[in-house]
Amino acid sequence: METVIEIKHLEKSFDQLAVLTDINLKLERGENLAILGKSGTGKSVLTKCIVRLVQADKGEILVLGNDILKMDDEQLNETRKKVGYLFQGGALYDSMTVRQNLEFQIRRTQMEKKKKELRELVEESLENVGLADAINKMPAELSGGMKKRIGLARTLILKPQIILYDEPTTGLDPVTSGEISELILQVQEKYNTSSIIITHDMKCAKMTANQLKIMKDGKFYAEGTFSQLSESDDQEVKAYFS
């Protein structure tokens, strides 16, 4: 299998607080990896380090074979085009329609697109998340679940090889959470994406992840499939499945 992300001995501190102390991780092509952990264990910091929204202190982060920590700005921007990042709230621009939000993503990275190509990309991305009829809506008119879907559509419009999901089901009702989880699987199947899913939602983890990792004290404490971890006798691990 092809490794698309490999992290070696990653460390990150804020002032005197060590958030990531010794992170080692491999993500294979077409794999969904869910990362669990209590609030404040560094899960979101880890994903931000992967795309260098946060600068790691030590270690290596190989993304598609190249160390993102050693890239110049041009190399970093090219790599970021291949890595989609779905923020917790969708992070839509409130003053733009759904169409404009998606067009903006393309225009800031691929200025040469013609109007017809741009329209087709926007429509395809919205159809992928089941919201083609929301194209002219404003973010204020969307439910929480719809904002997550539009955020994913904006991510998919660049056809990323890797997607980082930061709490994709947080704040959603159980039915909508299930729909978002199903959508993550559909994206994986259709585009053969490789994904890291930060989540507190065990149903989401069970439904979407090929492998799970549990974080504690800035490093990975346990790992395995959902079935393997759910049968663990370790009290720290059992607490997630009770």
C-alpha atoms as a PDB file:
ATOM      1  CA  MET A   1       0.000   0.000   0.000  1.00  0.00           C
ATOM      2  CA  GLU A   2       1.030   3.608  -0.597  1.00  0.00           C
ATOM      3  CA  THR A   3       1.601   5.777   2.461  1.00  0.00           C
ATOM      4  CA  VAL A   4       0.186   9.279   1.903  1.00  0.00           C
ATOM      5  CA  ILE A   5       0.954  10.720   5.353  1.00  0.00           C
ATOM      6  CA  GLU A   6       3.763   9.608   7.641  1.00  0.00           C
ATOM      7  CA  ILE A   7       4.485  11.412  10.906  1.00  0.00           C
ATOM      8  CA  LYS A   8       7.625  10.694  12.912  1.00  0.00           C
ATOM      9  CA  HIS A   9       8.284  11.824  16.490  1.00  0.00           C
ATOM     10  CA  LEU A  10       6.188  14.975  16.187  1.00  0.00           C
ATOM     11  CA  GLU A  11       6.280  17.453  19.072  1.00  0.00           C
ATOM     12  CA  LYS A  12       4.385  20.690  19.690  1.00  0.00           C
ATOM     13  CA  SER A  13       4.223  22.932  22.755  1.00  0.00           C
ATOM     14  CA  PHE A  14       2.506  26.224  23.472  1.00  0.00           C
ATOM     15  CA  ASP A  15       4.643  28.193  25.916  1.00  0.00           C
ATOM     16  CA  GLN A  16       5.421  25.590  28.602  1.00  0.00           C
ATOM     17  CA  LEU A  17       2.465  23.331  27.769  1.00  0.00           C
ATOM     18  CA  ALA A  18       3.425  20.209  25.796  1.00  0.00           C
ATOM     19  CA  VAL A  19       0.453  19.315  23.579  1.00  0.00           C
ATOM     20  CA  LEU A  20       2.036  16.736  21.268  1.00  0.00           C
ATOM     21  CA  THR A  21       4.957  14.835  22.791  1.00  0.00           C
ATOM     22  CA  ASP A  22       5.806  11.915  20.488  1.00  0.00           C
ATOM     23  CA  ILE A  23       3.338  11.412  17.652  1.00  0.00           C
ATOM     24  CA  ASN A  24       3.983   8.665  15.099  1.00  0.00           C
ATOM     25  CA  LEU A  25       1.381   7.884  12.444  1.00  0.00           C
ATOM     26  CA  LYS A  26       0.936   6.363   9.008  1.00  0.00           C
ATOM     27  CA  LEU A  27      -2.067   6.915   6.738  1.00  0.00           C
ATOM     28  CA  GLU A  28      -2.392   4.675   3.698  1.00  0.00           C
ATOM     29  CA  ARG A  29      -4.011   5.446   0.350  1.00  0.00           C
ATOM     30  CA  GLY A  30      -7.792   4.999   0.557  1.00  0.00           C
ATOM     31  CA  GLU A  31      -7.819   4.585   4.352  1.00  0.00           C
ATOM     32  CA  ASN A  32     -10.000   6.394   6.895  1.00  0.00           C
ATOM     33  CA  LEU A  33      -8.268   6.847  10.248  1.00  0.00           C
ATOM     34  CA  ALA A  34     -10.273   8.105  13.226  1.00  0.00           C
ATOM     35  CA  ILE A  35      -8.486   9.791  16.121  1.00  0.00           C
ATOM     36  CA  LEU A  36     -10.216   9.787  19.498  1.00  0.00           C
ATOM     37  CA  GLY A  37      -9.264  11.519  22.704  1.00  0.00           C
ATOM     38  CA  LYS A  38     -10.529  13.751  25.471  1.00  0.00           C
ATOM     39  CA  SER A  39     -10.771  17.498  24.894  1.00  0.00           C
ATOM     40  CA  GLY A  40      -7.373  19.159  25.067  1.00  0.00           C
ATOM     41  CA  THR A  41      -5.364  16.079  24.081  1.00  0.00           C
ATOM     42  CA  GLY A  42      -4.078  17.743  20.901  1.00  0.00           C
ATOM     43  CA  LYS A  43      -6.223  16.106  18.211  1.00  0.00           C
ATOM     44  CA  SER A  44      -7.056  19.285  16.317  1.00  0.00           C
ATOM     45  CA  VAL A  45      -3.539  20.651  16.827  1.00  0.00           C
ATOM     46  CA  LEU A  46      -2.240  17.523  15.102  1.00  0.00           C
ATOM     47  CA  THR A  47      -4.343  18.072  11.971  1.00  0.00           C
ATOM     48  CA  LYS A  48      -3.352  21.749  11.864  1.00  0.00           C
ATOM     49  CA  CYS A  49       0.311  20.708  12.052  1.00  0.00           C
ATOM     50  CA  ILE A  50      -0.205  18.387   9.072  1.00  0.00           C
ATOM     51  CA  VAL A  51      -1.114  21.335   6.818  1.00  0.00           C
ATOM     52  CA  ARG A  52       1.162  23.739   8.728  1.00  0.00           C
ATOM     53  CA  LEU A  53      -1.611  25.976   9.993  1.00  0.00           C
ATOM     54  CA  VAL A  54       0.306  25.368  13.228  1.00  0.00           C
ATOM     55  CA  GLN A  55       4.081  25.050  13.068  1.00  0.00           C
ATOM     56  CA  ALA A  56       5.379  21.881  14.733  1.00  0.00           C
ATOM     57  CA  ASP A  57       8.436  22.151  16.986  1.00  0.00           C
ATOM     58  CA  LYS A  58      10.154  18.860  16.123  1.00  0.00           C
ATOM     59  CA  GLY A  59       9.711  15.766  13.992  1.00  0.00           C
ATOM     60  CA  GLU A  60       8.791  14.961  10.404  1.00  0.00           C
ATOM     61  CA  ILE A  61       5.487  15.226   8.577  1.00  0.00           C
ATOM     62  CA  LEU A  62       5.692  13.529   5.197  1.00  0.00           C
ATOM     63  CA  VAL A  63       2.684  14.400   3.026  1.00  0.00           C
ATOM     64  CA  LEU A  64       2.624  12.542  -0.293  1.00  0.00           C
ATOM     65  CA  GLY A  65       6.309  11.775   0.229  1.00  0.00           C
ATOM     66  CA  ASN A  66       7.561  15.284   1.043  1.00  0.00           C
ATOM     67  CA  ASP A  67       8.309  16.808   4.447  1.00  0.00           C
ATOM     68  CA  ILE A  68       5.843  19.658   4.882  1.00  0.00           C
ATOM     69  CA  LEU A  69       8.026  21.198   7.601  1.00  0.00           C
ATOM     70  CA  LYS A  70      10.806  21.828   5.069  1.00  0.00           C
ATOM     71  CA  MET A  71       8.673  23.302   2.275  1.00  0.00           C
ATOM     72  CA  ASP A  72       8.889  26.890   1.099  1.00  0.00           C
ATOM     73  CA  ASP A  73       5.657  28.859   0.624  1.00  0.00           C
ATOM     74  CA  GLU A  74       5.189  27.824  -3.017  1.00  0.00           C
ATOM     75  CA  GLN A  75       5.661  24.113  -2.250  1.00  0.00           C
ATOM     76  CA  LEU A  76       3.369  24.389   0.771  1.00  0.00           C
ATOM     77  CA  ASN A  77       0.574  25.992  -1.254  1.00  0.00           C
ATOM     78  CA  GLU A  78       0.841  23.299  -3.941  1.00  0.00           C
ATOM     79  CA  THR A  79       0.629  20.556  -1.296  1.00  0.00           C
ATOM     80  CA  ARG A  80      -2.337  22.192   0.432  1.00  0.00           C
ATOM     81  CA  LYS A  81      -4.286  21.947  -2.839  1.00  0.00           C
ATOM     82  CA  LYS A  82      -4.069  18.157  -2.445  1.00  0.00           C
ATOM     83  CA  VAL A  83      -5.169  18.162   1.202  1.00  0.00           C
ATOM     84  CA  GLY A  84      -8.754  19.170   2.030  1.00  0.00           C
ATOM     85  CA  TYR A  85      -9.518  20.473   5.515  1.00  0.00           C
ATOM     86  CA  LEU A  86     -13.071  20.403   6.846  1.00  0.00           C
ATOM     87  CA  PHE A  87     -13.310  22.774   9.807  1.00  0.00           C
ATOM     88  CA  GLN A  88     -15.721  22.121  12.684  1.00  0.00           C
ATOM     89  CA  GLY A  89     -18.257  24.792  11.740  1.00  0.00           C
ATOM     90  CA  GLY A  90     -17.842  24.571   7.982  1.00  0.00           C
ATOM     91  CA  ALA A  91     -16.066  27.976   8.042  1.00  0.00           C
ATOM     92  CA  LEU A  92     -18.252  29.488   5.299  1.00  0.00           C
ATOM     93  CA  TYR A  93     -18.042  33.181   4.449  1.00  0.00           C
ATOM     94  CA  ASP A  94     -21.265  34.700   5.795  1.00  0.00           C
ATOM     95  CA  SER A  95     -21.427  37.465   3.175  1.00  0.00           C
ATOM     96  CA  MET A  96     -21.214  35.042   0.228  1.00  0.00           C
ATOM     97  CA  THR A  97     -23.813  32.717  -1.248  1.00  0.00           C
ATOM     98  CA  VAL A  98     -23.104  28.996  -1.363  1.00  0.00           C
ATOM     99  CA  ARG A  99     -22.096  29.365  -5.021  1.00  0.00           C
ATOM    100  CA  GLN A 100     -19.702  32.209  -4.196  1.00  0.00           C
ATOM    101  CA  ASN A 101     -18.177  30.271  -1.304  1.00  0.00           C
ATOM    102  CA  LEU A 102     -17.338  27.382  -3.612  1.00  0.00           C
ATOM    103  CA  GLU A 103     -16.177  29.605  -6.473  1.00  0.00           C
ATOM    104  CA  PHE A 104     -13.852  31.460  -4.117  1.00  0.00           C
ATOM    105  CA  GLN A 105     -12.082  28.217  -3.259  1.00  0.00           C
ATOM    106  CA  ILE A 106     -11.295  27.652  -6.937  1.00  0.00           C
ATOM    107  CA  ARG A 107     -10.470  31.245  -7.826  1.00  0.00           C
ATOM    108  CA  ARG A 108      -7.826  31.577  -5.151  1.00  0.00           C
ATOM    109  CA  THR A 109      -6.023  28.428  -6.333  1.00  0.00           C
ATOM    110  CA  GLN A 110      -6.892  28.006 -10.024  1.00  0.00           C
ATOM    111  CA  MET A 111      -7.453  31.454 -11.551  1.00  0.00           C
ATOM    112  CA  GLU A 112      -7.443  30.130 -15.121  1.00  0.00           C
ATOM    113  CA  LYS A 113     -10.805  28.344 -14.848  1.00  0.00           C
ATOM    114  CA  LYS A 114     -13.433  29.554 -17.332  1.00  0.00           C
ATOM    115  CA  LYS A 115     -16.965  30.434 -16.200  1.00  0.00           C
ATOM    116  CA  LYS A 116     -18.456  27.244 -17.665  1.00  0.00           C
ATOM    117  CA  GLU A 117     -15.827  25.025 -15.985  1.00  0.00           C
ATOM    118  CA  LEU A 118     -16.290  26.870 -12.702  1.00  0.00           C
ATOM    119  CA  ARG A 119     -20.071  26.468 -12.815  1.00  0.00           C
ATOM    120  CA  GLU A 120     -19.777  22.764 -13.582  1.00  0.00           C
ATOM    121  CA  LEU A 121     -17.316  22.200 -10.716  1.00  0.00           C
ATOM    122  CA  VAL A 122     -19.601  24.002  -8.253  1.00  0.00           C
ATOM    123  CA  GLU A 123     -22.677  22.081  -9.379  1.00  0.00           C
ATOM    124  CA  GLU A 124     -20.842  18.726  -9.283  1.00  0.00           C
ATOM    125  CA  SER A 125     -19.532  19.382  -5.769  1.00  0.00           C
ATOM    126  CA  LEU A 126     -22.988  20.313  -4.478  1.00  0.00           C
ATOM    127  CA  GLU A 127     -24.540  17.252  -6.115  1.00  0.00           C
ATOM    128  CA  ASN A 128     -21.920  15.107  -4.360  1.00  0.00           C
ATOM    129  CA  VAL A 129     -23.233  16.282  -0.985  1.00  0.00           C
ATOM    130  CA  GLY A 130     -26.906  16.278  -1.974  1.00  0.00           C
ATOM    131  CA  LEU A 131     -27.405  20.054  -1.872  1.00  0.00           C
ATOM    132  CA  ALA A 132     -27.635  21.176  -5.492  1.00  0.00           C
ATOM    133  CA  ASP A 133     -30.745  23.235  -4.641  1.00  0.00           C
ATOM    134  CA  ALA A 134     -28.872  25.291  -2.022  1.00  0.00           C
ATOM    135  CA  ILE A 135     -26.570  26.933  -4.565  1.00  0.00           C
ATOM    136  CA  ASN A 136     -27.996  30.453  -4.129  1.00  0.00           C
ATOM    137  CA  LYS A 137     -28.645  30.333  -0.391  1.00  0.00           C
ATOM    138  CA  MET A 138     -26.739  32.374   2.182  1.00  0.00           C
ATOM    139  CA  PRO A 139     -25.011  30.569   5.090  1.00  0.00           C
ATOM    140  CA  ALA A 140     -27.553  32.080   7.523  1.00  0.00           C
ATOM    141  CA  GLU A 141     -30.288  30.133   5.695  1.00  0.00           C
ATOM    142  CA  LEU A 142     -28.540  26.767   6.234  1.00  0.00           C
ATOM    143  CA  SER A 143     -28.918  24.314   9.099  1.00  0.00           C
ATOM    144  CA  GLY A 144     -25.862  23.009  10.950  1.00  0.00           C
ATOM    145  CA  GLY A 145     -25.897  19.809   8.912  1.00  0.00           C
ATOM    146  CA  MET A 146     -26.209  21.729   5.650  1.00  0.00           C
ATOM    147  CA  LYS A 147     -23.233  23.924   6.578  1.00  0.00           C
ATOM    148  CA  LYS A 148     -21.154  20.786   7.173  1.00  0.00           C
ATOM    149  CA  ARG A 149     -22.191  19.459   3.759  1.00  0.00           C
ATOM    150  CA  ILE A 150     -21.394  22.743   2.019  1.00  0.00           C
ATOM    151  CA  GLY A 151     -18.041  22.833   3.807  1.00  0.00           C
ATOM    152  CA  LEU A 152     -17.346  19.356   2.447  1.00  0.00           C
ATOM    153  CA  ALA A 153     -18.466  20.402  -1.044  1.00  0.00           C
ATOM    154  CA  ARG A 154     -16.002  23.301  -0.889  1.00  0.00           C
ATOM    155  CA  THR A 155     -13.294  20.837   0.104  1.00  0.00           C
ATOM    156  CA  LEU A 156     -14.186  18.376  -2.667  1.00  0.00           C
ATOM    157  CA  ILE A 157     -14.160  21.007  -5.410  1.00  0.00           C
ATOM    158  CA  LEU A 158     -10.342  20.829  -5.499  1.00  0.00           C
ATOM    159  CA  LYS A 159     -10.410  17.014  -5.808  1.00  0.00           C
ATOM    160  CA  PRO A 160      -8.054  16.494  -2.822  1.00  0.00           C
ATOM    161  CA  GLN A 161      -6.208  13.224  -2.317  1.00  0.00           C
ATOM    162  CA  ILE A 162      -6.362  13.613   1.477  1.00  0.00           C
ATOM    163  CA  ILE A 163      -9.138  15.049   3.658  1.00  0.00           C
ATOM    164  CA  LEU A 164      -8.777  16.082   7.295  1.00  0.00           C
ATOM    165  CA  TYR A 165     -12.141  16.128   9.099  1.00  0.00           C
ATOM    166  CA  ASP A 166     -12.212  18.093  12.365  1.00  0.00           C
ATOM    167  CA  GLU A 167     -15.232  16.918  14.396  1.00  0.00           C
ATOM    168  CA  PRO A 168     -17.511  16.459  11.353  1.00  0.00           C
ATOM    169  CA  THR A 169     -20.606  15.519  13.392  1.00  0.00           C
ATOM    170  CA  THR A 170     -20.237  17.799  16.426  1.00  0.00           C
ATOM    171  CA  GLY A 171     -23.425  19.693  17.285  1.00  0.00           C
ATOM    172  CA  LEU A 172     -25.619  17.649  14.964  1.00  0.00           C
ATOM    173  CA  ASP A 173     -28.626  15.505  15.818  1.00  0.00           C
ATOM    174  CA  PRO A 174     -28.187  11.703  15.549  1.00  0.00           C
ATOM    175  CA  VAL A 175     -29.924  11.435  12.164  1.00  0.00           C
ATOM    176  CA  THR A 176     -27.882  14.213  10.569  1.00  0.00           C
ATOM    177  CA  SER A 177     -24.700  12.831  12.159  1.00  0.00           C
ATOM    178  CA  GLY A 178     -25.428   9.507  10.499  1.00  0.00           C
ATOM    179  CA  GLU A 179     -25.943  11.239   7.147  1.00  0.00           C
ATOM    180  CA  ILE A 180     -22.594  13.046   7.446  1.00  0.00           C
ATOM    181  CA  SER A 181     -20.869   9.771   8.356  1.00  0.00           C
ATOM    182  CA  GLU A 182     -22.441   8.109   5.327  1.00  0.00           C
ATOM    183  CA  LEU A 183     -21.251  11.017   3.190  1.00  0.00           C
ATOM    184  CA  ILE A 184     -17.667  10.513   4.421  1.00  0.00           C
ATOM    185  CA  LEU A 185     -17.866   6.894   3.277  1.00  0.00           C
ATOM    186  CA  GLN A 186     -19.303   7.883  -0.100  1.00  0.00           C
ATOM    187  CA  VAL A 187     -16.454  10.349  -0.655  1.00  0.00           C
ATOM    188  CA  GLN A 188     -13.895   7.680   0.295  1.00  0.00           C
ATOM    189  CA  GLU A 189     -15.430   5.206  -2.143  1.00  0.00           C
ATOM    190  CA  LYS A 190     -15.956   7.625  -5.041  1.00  0.00           C
ATOM    191  CA  TYR A 191     -12.609   9.440  -4.916  1.00  0.00           C
ATOM    192  CA  ASN A 192     -10.401   6.911  -3.082  1.00  0.00           C
ATOM    193  CA  THR A 193      -9.537   9.644  -0.601  1.00  0.00           C
ATOM    194  CA  SER A 194      -7.383   9.063   2.457  1.00  0.00           C
ATOM    195  CA  SER A 195      -8.795  10.723   5.559  1.00  0.00           C
ATOM    196  CA  ILE A 196      -8.047  11.547   9.165  1.00  0.00           C
ATOM    197  CA  ILE A 197     -11.238  12.016  11.171  1.00  0.00           C
ATOM    198  CA  ILE A 198     -11.023  13.809  14.519  1.00  0.00           C
ATOM    199  CA  THR A 199     -14.139  12.871  16.468  1.00  0.00           C
ATOM    200  CA  HIS A 200     -15.818  12.321  19.823  1.00  0.00           C
ATOM    201  CA  ASP A 201     -18.670  10.508  18.067  1.00  0.00           C
ATOM    202  CA  MET A 202     -18.217   6.759  18.503  1.00  0.00           C
ATOM    203  CA  LYS A 203     -20.977   6.001  15.991  1.00  0.00           C
ATOM    204  CA  CYS A 204     -19.149   8.098  13.415  1.00  0.00           C
ATOM    205  CA  ALA A 205     -15.860   6.343  14.226  1.00  0.00           C
ATOM    206  CA  LYS A 206     -17.455   2.910  13.951  1.00  0.00           C
ATOM    207  CA  MET A 207     -19.154   3.742  10.672  1.00  0.00           C
ATOM    208  CA  THR A 208     -16.327   5.516   8.864  1.00  0.00           C
ATOM    209  CA  ALA A 209     -12.948   4.350  10.168  1.00  0.00           C
ATOM    210  CA  ASN A 210     -10.754   1.505   8.974  1.00  0.00           C
ATOM    211  CA  GLN A 211      -8.443   2.134  11.938  1.00  0.00           C
ATOM    212  CA  LEU A 212      -8.725   4.069  15.203  1.00  0.00           C
ATOM    213  CA  LYS A 213      -6.126   5.714  17.412  1.00  0.00           C
ATOM    214  CA  ILE A 214      -6.720   6.986  20.951  1.00  0.00           C
ATOM    215  CA  MET A 215      -4.704   9.974  22.165  1.00  0.00           C
ATOM    216  CA  LYS A 216      -3.620  10.525  25.748  1.00  0.00           C
ATOM    217  CA  ASP A 217      -1.028  12.911  27.197  1.00  0.00           C
ATOM    218  CA  GLY A 218       0.127  14.101  23.809  1.00  0.00           C
ATOM    219  CA  LYS A 219       0.776  10.721  22.212  1.00  0.00           C
ATOM    220  CA  PHE A 220      -1.132   7.715  20.923  1.00  0.00           C
ATOM    221  CA  TYR A 221      -2.151   5.433  23.761  1.00  0.00           C
ATOM    222  CA  ALA A 222      -3.919   2.659  21.814  1.00  0.00           C
ATOM    223  CA  GLU A 223      -4.753   1.732  18.239  1.00  0.00           C
ATOM    224  CA  GLY A 224      -6.632  -0.897  16.268  1.00  0.00           C
ATOM    225  CA  THR A 225      -9.923  -1.506  14.523  1.00  0.00           C
ATOM    226  CA  PHE A 226     -13.169  -0.525  16.208  1.00  0.00           C
ATOM    227  CA  SER A 227     -13.834  -4.195  16.982  1.00  0.00           C
ATOM    228  CA  GLN A 228     -10.377  -4.736  18.474  1.00  0.00           C
ATOM    229  CA  LEU A 229     -10.503  -1.678  20.708  1.00  0.00           C
ATOM    230  CA  SER A 230     -14.076  -2.315  21.813  1.00  0.00           C
ATOM    231  CA  GLU A 231     -12.952  -5.676  23.216  1.00  0.00           C
ATOM    232  CA  SER A 232      -9.965  -4.244  25.108  1.00  0.00           C
ATOM    233  CA  ASP A 233      -9.639  -4.868  28.858  1.00  0.00           C
ATOM    234  CA  ASP A 234      -7.735  -1.606  29.326  1.00  0.00           C
ATOM    235  CA  GLN A 235      -9.861   0.748  31.446  1.00  0.00           C
ATOM    236  CA  GLU A 236      -8.690   3.831  29.548  1.00  0.00           C
ATOM    237  CA  VAL A 237      -9.818   2.274  26.286  1.00  0.00           C
ATOM    238  CA  LYS A 238     -13.034   0.755  27.668  1.00  0.00           C
ATOM    239  CA  ALA A 239     -14.194   4.201  28.766  1.00  0.00           C
ATOM    240  CA  TYR A 240     -14.742   5.157  25.106  1.00  0.00           C
ATOM    241  CA  PHE A 241     -17.021   2.206  24.480  1.00  0.00           C
ATOM    242  CA  SER A 242     -19.127   2.225  27.665  1.00  0.00           C
END
